[in-house]
C-alpha atoms as a PDB file:
ATOM      1  CA  MET A   1      95.938 -24.889  29.188  1.00  0.00           C
ATOM      2  CA  ASN A   2      94.390 -21.468  29.076  1.00  0.00           C
ATOM      3  CA  SER A   3      94.407 -21.493  25.304  1.00  0.00           C
ATOM      4  CA  ALA A   4      92.549 -24.811  25.197  1.00  0.00           C
ATOM      5  CA  VAL A   5      89.994 -23.502  27.723  1.00  0.00           C
ATOM      6  CA  ASN A   6      89.436 -20.388  25.574  1.00  0.00           C
ATOM      7  CA  PHE A   7      89.119 -22.480  22.403  1.00  0.00           C
ATOM      8  CA  MET A   8      86.427 -24.607  24.069  1.00  0.00           C
ATOM      9  CA  LYS A   9      84.596 -21.461  25.203  1.00  0.00           C
ATOM     10  CA  HIS A  10      84.640 -19.944  21.736  1.00  0.00           C
ATOM     11  CA  LEU A  11      83.639 -23.312  20.238  1.00  0.00           C
ATOM     12  CA  ALA A  12      80.664 -23.577  22.583  1.00  0.00           C
ATOM     13  CA  ILE A  13      79.587 -19.999  21.760  1.00  0.00           C
ATOM     14  CA  ILE A  14      79.793 -20.726  18.042  1.00  0.00           C
ATOM     15  CA  LEU A  15      77.778 -23.936  18.386  1.00  0.00           C
ATOM     16  CA  ILE A  16      75.088 -22.230  20.449  1.00  0.00           C
ATOM     17  CA  CYS A  17      74.834 -19.380  17.947  1.00  0.00           C
ATOM     18  CA  ALA A  18      74.677 -21.891  15.069  1.00  0.00           C
ATOM     19  CA  VAL A  19      71.823 -23.816  16.755  1.00  0.00           C
ATOM     20  CA  CYS A  20      69.888 -20.560  17.402  1.00  0.00           C
ATOM     21  CA  LEU A  21      70.369 -19.362  13.785  1.00  0.00           C
ATOM     22  CA  ILE A  22      69.383 -22.639  12.039  1.00  0.00           C
ATOM     23  CA  PRO A  23      65.606 -21.968  12.224  1.00  0.00           C
ATOM     24  CA  PHE A  24      66.026 -18.470  10.758  1.00  0.00           C
ATOM     25  CA  TYR A  25      68.297 -19.887   8.028  1.00  0.00           C
ATOM     26  CA  ILE A  26      65.619 -22.494   7.132  1.00  0.00           C
ATOM     27  CA  LEU A  27      62.913 -19.801   7.122  1.00  0.00           C
ATOM     28  CA  LEU A  28      64.963 -17.621   4.818  1.00  0.00           C
ATOM     29  CA  ILE A  29      65.650 -20.531   2.432  1.00  0.00           C
ATOM     30  CA  LEU A  30      61.999 -21.517   2.291  1.00  0.00           C
ATOM     31  CA  SER A  31      61.032 -17.906   1.492  1.00  0.00           C
ATOM     32  CA  LEU A  32      63.552 -17.816  -1.437  1.00  0.00           C
ATOM     33  CA  ASN A  33      62.572 -21.156  -3.133  1.00  0.00           C
ATOM     34  CA  LYS A  34      59.880 -22.032  -5.624  1.00  0.00           C
ATOM     35  CA  PRO A  35      57.059 -24.255  -4.348  1.00  0.00           C
ATOM     36  CA  GLN A  36      58.004 -27.067  -6.677  1.00  0.00           C
ATOM     37  CA  ARG A  37      61.561 -26.990  -5.565  1.00  0.00           C
ATOM     38  CA  ILE A  38      60.541 -27.165  -1.845  1.00  0.00           C
ATOM     39  CA  PHE A  39      58.473 -30.333  -2.327  1.00  0.00           C
ATOM     40  CA  TYR A  40      59.647 -32.165  -5.479  1.00  0.00           C
ATOM     41  CA  GLN A  41      63.081 -31.212  -6.745  1.00  0.00           C
ATOM     42  CA  GLY A  42      66.395 -29.576  -6.017  1.00  0.00           C
ATOM     43  CA  ASN A  43      68.355 -28.994  -2.826  1.00  0.00           C
ATOM     44  CA  LEU A  44      66.128 -27.461  -0.256  1.00  0.00           C
ATOM     45  CA  PHE A  45      69.053 -25.674   1.546  1.00  0.00           C
ATOM     46  CA  VAL A  46      70.344 -23.919  -1.529  1.00  0.00           C
ATOM     47  CA  PRO A  47      67.917 -21.143  -2.562  1.00  0.00           C
ATOM     48  CA  ASP A  48      67.119 -20.178  -6.102  1.00  0.00           C
ATOM     49  CA  PHE A  49      66.370 -16.520  -5.036  1.00  0.00           C
ATOM     50  CA  TYR A  50      62.668 -16.571  -6.153  1.00  0.00           C
ATOM     51  CA  PHE A  51      61.732 -13.110  -4.814  1.00  0.00           C
ATOM     52  CA  GLN A  52      58.215 -13.351  -6.291  1.00  0.00           C
ATOM     53  CA  ASN A  53      57.324 -15.090  -3.063  1.00  0.00           C
ATOM     54  CA  TYR A  54      57.637 -11.842  -1.202  1.00  0.00           C
ATOM     55  CA  ILE A  55      55.437  -9.971  -3.683  1.00  0.00           C
ATOM     56  CA  ASP A  56      52.749 -12.646  -3.491  1.00  0.00           C
ATOM     57  CA  ALA A  57      52.967 -12.846   0.324  1.00  0.00           C
ATOM     58  CA  TRP A  58      52.619  -9.060   0.652  1.00  0.00           C
ATOM     59  CA  GLN A  59      49.561  -8.996  -1.535  1.00  0.00           C
ATOM     60  CA  LYS A  60      47.766 -12.083  -0.185  1.00  0.00           C
ATOM     61  CA  SER A  61      48.458 -11.792   3.562  1.00  0.00           C
ATOM     62  CA  HIS A  62      47.770  -8.064   3.898  1.00  0.00           C
ATOM     63  CA  ILE A  63      50.825  -7.932   6.113  1.00  0.00           C
ATOM     64  CA  GLY A  64      51.398  -4.284   5.159  1.00  0.00           C
ATOM     65  CA  THR A  65      48.201  -3.229   7.000  1.00  0.00           C
ATOM     66  CA  ALA A  66      49.207  -5.357   9.972  1.00  0.00           C
ATOM     67  CA  ILE A  67      52.667  -3.764  10.124  1.00  0.00           C
ATOM     68  CA  VAL A  68      51.109  -0.299  10.115  1.00  0.00           C
ATOM     69  CA  ASN A  69      48.713  -1.244  12.922  1.00  0.00           C
ATOM     70  CA  SER A  70      51.507  -2.798  14.992  1.00  0.00           C
ATOM     71  CA  ALA A  71      53.700   0.284  14.400  1.00  0.00           C
ATOM     72  CA  VAL A  72      50.930   2.609  15.596  1.00  0.00           C
ATOM     73  CA  ILE A  73      50.243   0.466  18.662  1.00  0.00           C
ATOM     74  CA  THR A  74      53.934   0.233  19.500  1.00  0.00           C
ATOM     75  CA  VAL A  75      54.705   3.907  19.046  1.00  0.00           C
ATOM     76  CA  GLU A  76      51.752   5.010  21.075  1.00  0.00           C
ATOM     77  CA  SER A  77      52.415   2.561  23.856  1.00  0.00           C
ATOM     78  CA  LEU A  78      56.178   3.458  24.051  1.00  0.00           C
ATOM     79  CA  ALA A  79      55.389   7.145  24.143  1.00  0.00           C
ATOM     80  CA  ILE A  80      53.050   6.626  27.132  1.00  0.00           C
ATOM     81  CA  ILE A  81      55.615   4.324  28.812  1.00  0.00           C
ATOM     82  CA  LEU A  82      58.531   6.628  28.322  1.00  0.00           C
ATOM     83  CA  ILE A  83      56.792   9.832  29.438  1.00  0.00           C
ATOM     84  CA  PHE A  84      54.759   8.568  32.462  1.00  0.00           C
ATOM     85  CA  GLY A  85      57.272   5.840  33.431  1.00  0.00           C
ATOM     86  CA  ALA A  86      60.188   8.171  33.522  1.00  0.00           C
ATOM     87  CA  MET A  87      58.198  10.804  35.441  1.00  0.00           C
ATOM     88  CA  ALA A  88      57.041   8.203  38.018  1.00  0.00           C
ATOM     89  CA  ALA A  89      60.589   6.910  38.422  1.00  0.00           C
ATOM     90  CA  PHE A  90      61.994  10.406  38.913  1.00  0.00           C
ATOM     91  CA  THR A  91      59.441  11.170  41.619  1.00  0.00           C
ATOM     92  CA  ILE A  92      60.066   7.850  43.384  1.00  0.00           C
ATOM     93  CA  ALA A  93      63.926   8.162  43.209  1.00  0.00           C
ATOM     94  CA  ARG A  94      64.215  11.818  44.248  1.00  0.00           C
ATOM     95  CA  PHE A  95      61.428  12.166  46.820  1.00  0.00           C
ATOM     96  CA  ASP A  96      61.830   9.720  49.624  1.00  0.00           C
ATOM     97  CA  TYR A  97      58.272   9.746  50.845  1.00  0.00           C
ATOM     98  CA  LYS A  98      56.303   6.731  52.360  1.00  0.00           C
ATOM     99  CA  PHE A  99      53.657   7.140  49.714  1.00  0.00           C
ATOM    100  CA  ASN A 100      56.283   7.051  46.879  1.00  0.00           C
ATOM    101  CA  LYS A 101      57.805   3.868  48.382  1.00  0.00           C
ATOM    102  CA  PHE A 102      54.226   2.323  48.485  1.00  0.00           C
ATOM    103  CA  VAL A 103      53.671   3.223  44.927  1.00  0.00           C
ATOM    104  CA  PHE A 104      57.024   1.722  43.864  1.00  0.00           C
ATOM    105  CA  TRP A 105      56.337  -1.570  45.662  1.00  0.00           C
ATOM    106  CA  LEU A 106      52.820  -1.572  44.159  1.00  0.00           C
ATOM    107  CA  PHE A 107      54.408  -1.384  40.688  1.00  0.00           C
ATOM    108  CA  MET A 108      56.787  -4.180  41.679  1.00  0.00           C
ATOM    109  CA  SER A 109      53.836  -6.323  42.797  1.00  0.00           C
ATOM    110  CA  CYS A 110      52.092  -5.783  39.484  1.00  0.00           C
ATOM    111  CA  MET A 111      55.109  -7.358  37.746  1.00  0.00           C
ATOM    112  CA  MET A 112      54.307 -10.617  39.438  1.00  0.00           C
ATOM    113  CA  ILE A 113      50.795 -10.808  37.935  1.00  0.00           C
ATOM    114  CA  PRO A 114      50.538 -12.154  34.329  1.00  0.00           C
ATOM    115  CA  GLY A 115      48.704  -9.746  32.076  1.00  0.00           C
ATOM    116  CA  ILE A 116      46.389 -12.506  30.745  1.00  0.00           C
ATOM    117  CA  ILE A 117      44.839 -12.880  34.222  1.00  0.00           C
ATOM    118  CA  ASN A 118      43.277  -9.403  33.967  1.00  0.00           C
ATOM    119  CA  THR A 119      41.740 -10.072  30.567  1.00  0.00           C
ATOM    120  CA  VAL A 120      38.122 -10.580  31.682  1.00  0.00           C
ATOM    121  CA  PRO A 121      37.687  -7.464  33.803  1.00  0.00           C
ATOM    122  CA  LEU A 122      39.863  -5.566  31.356  1.00  0.00           C
ATOM    123  CA  TYR A 123      37.570  -6.599  28.554  1.00  0.00           C
ATOM    124  CA  ALA A 124      34.541  -5.288  30.450  1.00  0.00           C
ATOM    125  CA  LEU A 125      36.279  -1.990  30.950  1.00  0.00           C
ATOM    126  CA  MET A 126      37.267  -1.752  27.394  1.00  0.00           C
ATOM    127  CA  ILE A 127      33.638  -2.170  26.321  1.00  0.00           C
ATOM    128  CA  ARG A 128      32.552   0.641  28.618  1.00  0.00           C
ATOM    129  CA  LEU A 129      35.258   2.956  27.107  1.00  0.00           C
ATOM    130  CA  ASN A 130      34.301   1.844  23.499  1.00  0.00           C
ATOM    131  CA  ALA A 131      37.945   0.880  23.046  1.00  0.00           C
ATOM    132  CA  ILE A 132      37.377  -2.617  21.433  1.00  0.00           C
ATOM    133  CA  ASN A 133      38.773  -2.780  17.894  1.00  0.00           C
ATOM    134  CA  THR A 134      40.612   0.522  18.325  1.00  0.00           C
ATOM    135  CA  LEU A 135      44.375   1.022  18.112  1.00  0.00           C
ATOM    136  CA  TRP A 136      44.444   3.540  20.866  1.00  0.00           C
ATOM    137  CA  GLY A 137      42.677   1.097  23.206  1.00  0.00           C
ATOM    138  CA  MET A 138      45.194  -1.593  22.508  1.00  0.00           C
ATOM    139  CA  SER A 139      48.030   0.955  23.015  1.00  0.00           C
ATOM    140  CA  MET A 140      46.606   1.756  26.438  1.00  0.00           C
ATOM    141  CA  VAL A 141      46.446  -1.948  27.353  1.00  0.00           C
ATOM    142  CA  CYS A 142      49.989  -2.603  26.275  1.00  0.00           C
ATOM    143  CA  ALA A 143      51.309   0.491  27.993  1.00  0.00           C
ATOM    144  CA  THR A 144      49.640  -0.422  31.291  1.00  0.00           C
ATOM    145  CA  ILE A 145      51.103  -3.895  31.284  1.00  0.00           C
ATOM    146  CA  ALA A 146      54.604  -2.627  30.510  1.00  0.00           C
ATOM    147  CA  LEU A 147      54.670   0.342  32.964  1.00  0.00           C
ATOM    148  CA  PRO A 148      55.832  -1.546  36.094  1.00  0.00           C
ATOM    149  CA  SER A 149      58.945  -2.998  34.544  1.00  0.00           C
ATOM    150  CA  SER A 150      59.725   0.419  32.931  1.00  0.00           C
ATOM    151  CA  VAL A 151      59.403   2.250  36.259  1.00  0.00           C
ATOM    152  CA  PHE A 152      61.723  -0.334  37.810  1.00  0.00           C
ATOM    153  CA  ILE A 153      64.429   0.250  35.168  1.00  0.00           C
ATOM    154  CA  PHE A 154      64.081   4.074  35.170  1.00  0.00           C
ATOM    155  CA  THR A 155      64.149   4.245  38.964  1.00  0.00           C
ATOM    156  CA  GLY A 156      67.375   2.396  39.271  1.00  0.00           C
ATOM    157  CA  PHE A 157      68.998   4.588  36.585  1.00  0.00           C
ATOM    158  CA  VAL A 158      67.780   7.903  38.164  1.00  0.00           C
ATOM    159  CA  LYS A 159      69.156   6.816  41.545  1.00  0.00           C
ATOM    160  CA  SER A 160      72.597   6.320  39.859  1.00  0.00           C
ATOM    161  CA  LEU A 161      72.641  10.005  38.611  1.00  0.00           C
ATOM    162  CA  PRO A 162      74.243  12.612  40.846  1.00  0.00           C
ATOM    163  CA  ARG A 163      71.876  14.918  42.650  1.00  0.00           C
ATOM    164  CA  GLU A 164      74.147  18.006  42.487  1.00  0.00           C
ATOM    165  CA  ILE A 165      73.223  19.057  39.021  1.00  0.00           C
ATOM    166  CA  GLU A 166      69.478  19.052  39.814  1.00  0.00           C
ATOM    167  CA  GLU A 167      70.007  20.752  43.187  1.00  0.00           C
ATOM    168  CA  ALA A 168      72.048  23.503  41.466  1.00  0.00           C
ATOM    169  CA  ALA A 169      69.188  23.992  38.958  1.00  0.00           C
ATOM    170  CA  ILE A 170      66.659  24.262  41.752  1.00  0.00           C
ATOM    171  CA  ILE A 171      68.818  26.893  43.529  1.00  0.00           C
ATOM    172  CA  ASP A 172      68.919  28.818  40.266  1.00  0.00           C
ATOM    173  CA  GLY A 173      65.076  28.982  40.281  1.00  0.00           C
ATOM    174  CA  CYS A 174      64.104  25.942  38.131  1.00  0.00           C
ATOM    175  CA  SER A 175      60.995  23.962  39.128  1.00  0.00           C
ATOM    176  CA  TRP A 176      61.265  20.220  39.633  1.00  0.00           C
ATOM    177  CA  PHE A 177      59.164  19.713  36.470  1.00  0.00           C
ATOM    178  CA  ARG A 178      61.557  21.743  34.391  1.00  0.00           C
ATOM    179  CA  VAL A 179      64.568  20.036  36.017  1.00  0.00           C
ATOM    180  CA  PHE A 180      63.252  16.726  35.004  1.00  0.00           C
ATOM    181  CA  TRP A 181      62.696  17.604  31.273  1.00  0.00           C
ATOM    182  CA  LYS A 182      65.765  19.780  30.857  1.00  0.00           C
ATOM    183  CA  ILE A 183      68.280  17.915  32.869  1.00  0.00           C
ATOM    184  CA  THR A 184      67.329  14.433  34.012  1.00  0.00           C
ATOM    185  CA  PHE A 185      65.383  13.060  31.038  1.00  0.00           C
ATOM    186  CA  PRO A 186      68.136  13.757  28.454  1.00  0.00           C
ATOM    187  CA  LEU A 187      70.501  11.701  30.729  1.00  0.00           C
ATOM    188  CA  LEU A 188      68.190   8.743  30.620  1.00  0.00           C
ATOM    189  CA  LYS A 189      69.048   7.823  26.991  1.00  0.00           C
ATOM    190  CA  PRO A 190      70.649   4.399  27.912  1.00  0.00           C
ATOM    191  CA  SER A 191      67.710   3.350  30.035  1.00  0.00           C
ATOM    192  CA  VAL A 192      65.305   4.626  27.357  1.00  0.00           C
ATOM    193  CA  ALA A 193      66.949   2.353  24.830  1.00  0.00           C
ATOM    194  CA  ALA A 194      66.617  -0.594  27.214  1.00  0.00           C
ATOM    195  CA  VAL A 195      62.993   0.126  27.858  1.00  0.00           C
ATOM    196  CA  VAL A 196      62.221   0.543  24.217  1.00  0.00           C
ATOM    197  CA  ILE A 197      63.847  -2.800  23.253  1.00  0.00           C
ATOM    198  CA  LEU A 198      62.468  -4.846  26.182  1.00  0.00           C
ATOM    199  CA  ASN A 199      58.897  -3.576  25.963  1.00  0.00           C
ATOM    200  CA  GLY A 200      58.758  -2.659  22.211  1.00  0.00           C
ATOM    201  CA  PHE A 201      59.364  -6.281  21.088  1.00  0.00           C
ATOM    202  CA  GLY A 202      56.654  -7.525  23.403  1.00  0.00           C
ATOM    203  CA  ILE A 203      54.212  -4.921  22.290  1.00  0.00           C
ATOM    204  CA  TRP A 204      55.017  -5.533  18.633  1.00  0.00           C
ATOM    205  CA  ASN A 205      54.491  -9.314  18.964  1.00  0.00           C
ATOM    206  CA  ASN A 206      51.517  -9.106  21.406  1.00  0.00           C
ATOM    207  CA  TYR A 207      48.942 -11.774  20.709  1.00  0.00           C
ATOM    208  CA  ALA A 208      47.459 -12.676  24.035  1.00  0.00           C
ATOM    209  CA  GLN A 209      45.586  -9.396  24.429  1.00  0.00           C
ATOM    210  CA  ALA A 210      45.265  -8.474  20.763  1.00  0.00           C
ATOM    211  CA  VAL A 211      43.211 -11.511  20.016  1.00  0.00           C
ATOM    212  CA  PHE A 212      40.514 -10.301  22.503  1.00  0.00           C
ATOM    213  CA  PHE A 213      40.615  -6.471  21.822  1.00  0.00           C
ATOM    214  CA  LEU A 214      41.383  -6.404  18.061  1.00  0.00           C
ATOM    215  CA  GLN A 215      38.740  -8.625  16.516  1.00  0.00           C
ATOM    216  CA  ASP A 216      38.306  -6.652  13.334  1.00  0.00           C
ATOM    217  CA  THR A 217      40.535  -7.968  10.566  1.00  0.00           C
ATOM    218  CA  LYS A 218      41.389  -4.433   9.531  1.00  0.00           C
ATOM    219  CA  LYS A 219      42.757  -3.745  13.006  1.00  0.00           C
ATOM    220  CA  HIS A 220      44.876  -6.952  13.278  1.00  0.00           C
ATOM    221  CA  ASN A 221      48.464  -6.611  14.338  1.00  0.00           C
ATOM    222  CA  ILE A 222      51.231  -8.732  12.993  1.00  0.00           C
ATOM    223  CA  PRO A 223      50.813 -11.844  15.101  1.00  0.00           C
ATOM    224  CA  GLN A 224      47.103 -11.945  14.380  1.00  0.00           C
ATOM    225  CA  ALA A 225      47.595 -11.467  10.648  1.00  0.00           C
ATOM    226  CA  LEU A 226      50.240 -14.218  10.569  1.00  0.00           C
ATOM    227  CA  SER A 227      47.907 -16.552  12.508  1.00  0.00           C
ATOM    228  CA  VAL A 228      44.998 -15.962  10.145  1.00  0.00           C
ATOM    229  CA  TYR A 229      47.175 -16.359   7.054  1.00  0.00           C
ATOM    230  CA  PHE A 230      48.861 -19.516   8.270  1.00  0.00           C
ATOM    231  CA  GLN A 231      45.555 -21.096   9.170  1.00  0.00           C
ATOM    232  CA  GLN A 232      44.279 -20.311   5.695  1.00  0.00           C
ATOM    233  CA  PHE A 233      47.285 -21.722   3.880  1.00  0.00           C
ATOM    234  CA  ALA A 234      48.591 -24.268   6.359  1.00  0.00           C
ATOM    235  CA  GLY A 235      50.542 -27.035   4.687  1.00  0.00           C
ATOM    236  CA  ALA A 236      49.921 -25.687   1.185  1.00  0.00           C
ATOM    237  CA  HIS A 237      52.164 -22.622   0.555  1.00  0.00           C
ATOM    238  CA  TRP A 238      55.241 -22.987   2.727  1.00  0.00           C
ATOM    239  CA  ASN A 239      57.152 -20.608   0.543  1.00  0.00           C
ATOM    240  CA  LEU A 240      54.515 -17.772   0.962  1.00  0.00           C
ATOM    241  CA  MET A 241      54.168 -18.489   4.696  1.00  0.00           C
ATOM    242  CA  ALA A 242      57.942 -18.160   5.195  1.00  0.00           C
ATOM    243  CA  ALA A 243      58.130 -15.042   3.054  1.00  0.00           C
ATOM    244  CA  THR A 244      55.353 -13.438   5.189  1.00  0.00           C
ATOM    245  CA  ALA A 245      57.238 -14.380   8.346  1.00  0.00           C
ATOM    246  CA  VAL A 246      60.442 -12.844   7.019  1.00  0.00           C
ATOM    247  CA  ILE A 247      58.668  -9.544   6.113  1.00  0.00           C
ATOM    248  CA  ALA A 248      57.198  -9.442   9.661  1.00  0.00           C
ATOM    249  CA  VAL A 249      60.529  -9.954  11.414  1.00  0.00           C
ATOM    250  CA  ILE A 250      62.484  -7.317   9.403  1.00  0.00           C
ATOM    251  CA  PRO A 251      61.242  -4.289  11.486  1.00  0.00           C
ATOM    252  CA  VAL A 252      62.205  -6.087  14.705  1.00  0.00           C
ATOM    253  CA  ILE A 253      65.693  -6.772  13.503  1.00  0.00           C
ATOM    254  CA  VAL A 254      66.147  -3.227  12.309  1.00  0.00           C
ATOM    255  CA  ALA A 255      64.997  -1.851  15.713  1.00  0.00           C
ATOM    256  CA  PHE A 256      67.352  -4.146  17.612  1.00  0.00           C
ATOM    257  CA  LEU A 257      70.353  -3.136  15.445  1.00  0.00           C
ATOM    258  CA  ILE A 258      69.601   0.583  16.233  1.00  0.00           C
ATOM    259  CA  PHE A 259      69.311   0.244  19.990  1.00  0.00           C
ATOM    260  CA  GLN A 260      71.565  -2.754  20.725  1.00  0.00           C
ATOM    261  CA  LYS A 261      74.552  -0.532  21.787  1.00  0.00           C
ATOM    262  CA  SER A 262      72.559   1.172  24.514  1.00  0.00           C
ATOM    263  CA  LEU A 263      70.783  -1.941  25.752  1.00  0.00           C
ATOM    264  CA  MET A 264      73.359  -3.356  28.117  1.00  0.00           C
ATOM    265  CA  LYS A 265      74.344   0.069  29.383  1.00  0.00           C
ATOM    266  CA  GLY A 266      70.770   0.873  30.241  1.00  0.00           C
ATOM    267  CA  LEU A 267      70.231  -2.484  32.053  1.00  0.00           C
ATOM    268  CA  THR A 268      73.422  -2.197  34.159  1.00  0.00           C
ATOM    269  CA  ALA A 269      73.674   1.574  34.761  1.00  0.00           C
ATOM    270  CA  GLY A 270      71.192   1.452  37.662  1.00  0.00           C
ATOM    271  CA  ALA A 271      73.229  -1.319  39.475  1.00  0.00           C
ATOM    272  CA  VAL A 272      75.629   1.216  41.053  1.00  0.00           C
ATOM    273  CA  LYS A 273      72.974   2.581  43.398  1.00  0.00           C
ATOM    274  CA  GLY A 274      69.461   1.677  44.497  1.00  0.00           C
END
């Protein structure tokens, strides 16, 4: 009986994975086939490995510039999120003041507000700061939107860490600032991985804010570049469109493979306390 149940569970998992992977398989096949084979001849689901599609897609879509822009925005945003989010979480978790509790619940309240709602006042602010069509301005926007969830994750993880090490360092003459950077922050590695993955993918694929704040084609990120390219060649060059999409998704897959081992540990480590 148990073996039959286990077999059904594994079969269900395999079927779910297969259904999820089918779109990616079709995308990969389209990117490796010649145009005439896609529409007129041959088996669509068996590629002929026509890698010229990737070369043409890279040259015509300018996806390389978009990848650099997205990388700059993502790295800058994550740096702000990790530094200020971790510092805020450490203060909230270790100093049980009413003001700190208020700030924490204020962050939690911000998580309930969709970022798109703030677009109009945020656009007016960005104009005053001369941040329209700048990568640093877009980085600030993405970091601000992602900070509440990051503080939430970091706070739970910091509360799960023992206080004794930090208290011993304070007795030895360390300041709280030095304790955080020398002792606590290195221990936040699992939660850092979780924050990087959960927020990094959203920043990398951000379109809702980028379409307003990055109007210059030279400043477009990957979703904007794909949107413009797909609108230009919609229905005409499926092979090039698929190849462009595959190029765009490769950095995301690489990042996930690097951080996947620490993702679940970072999400669950803060469940012991707080």
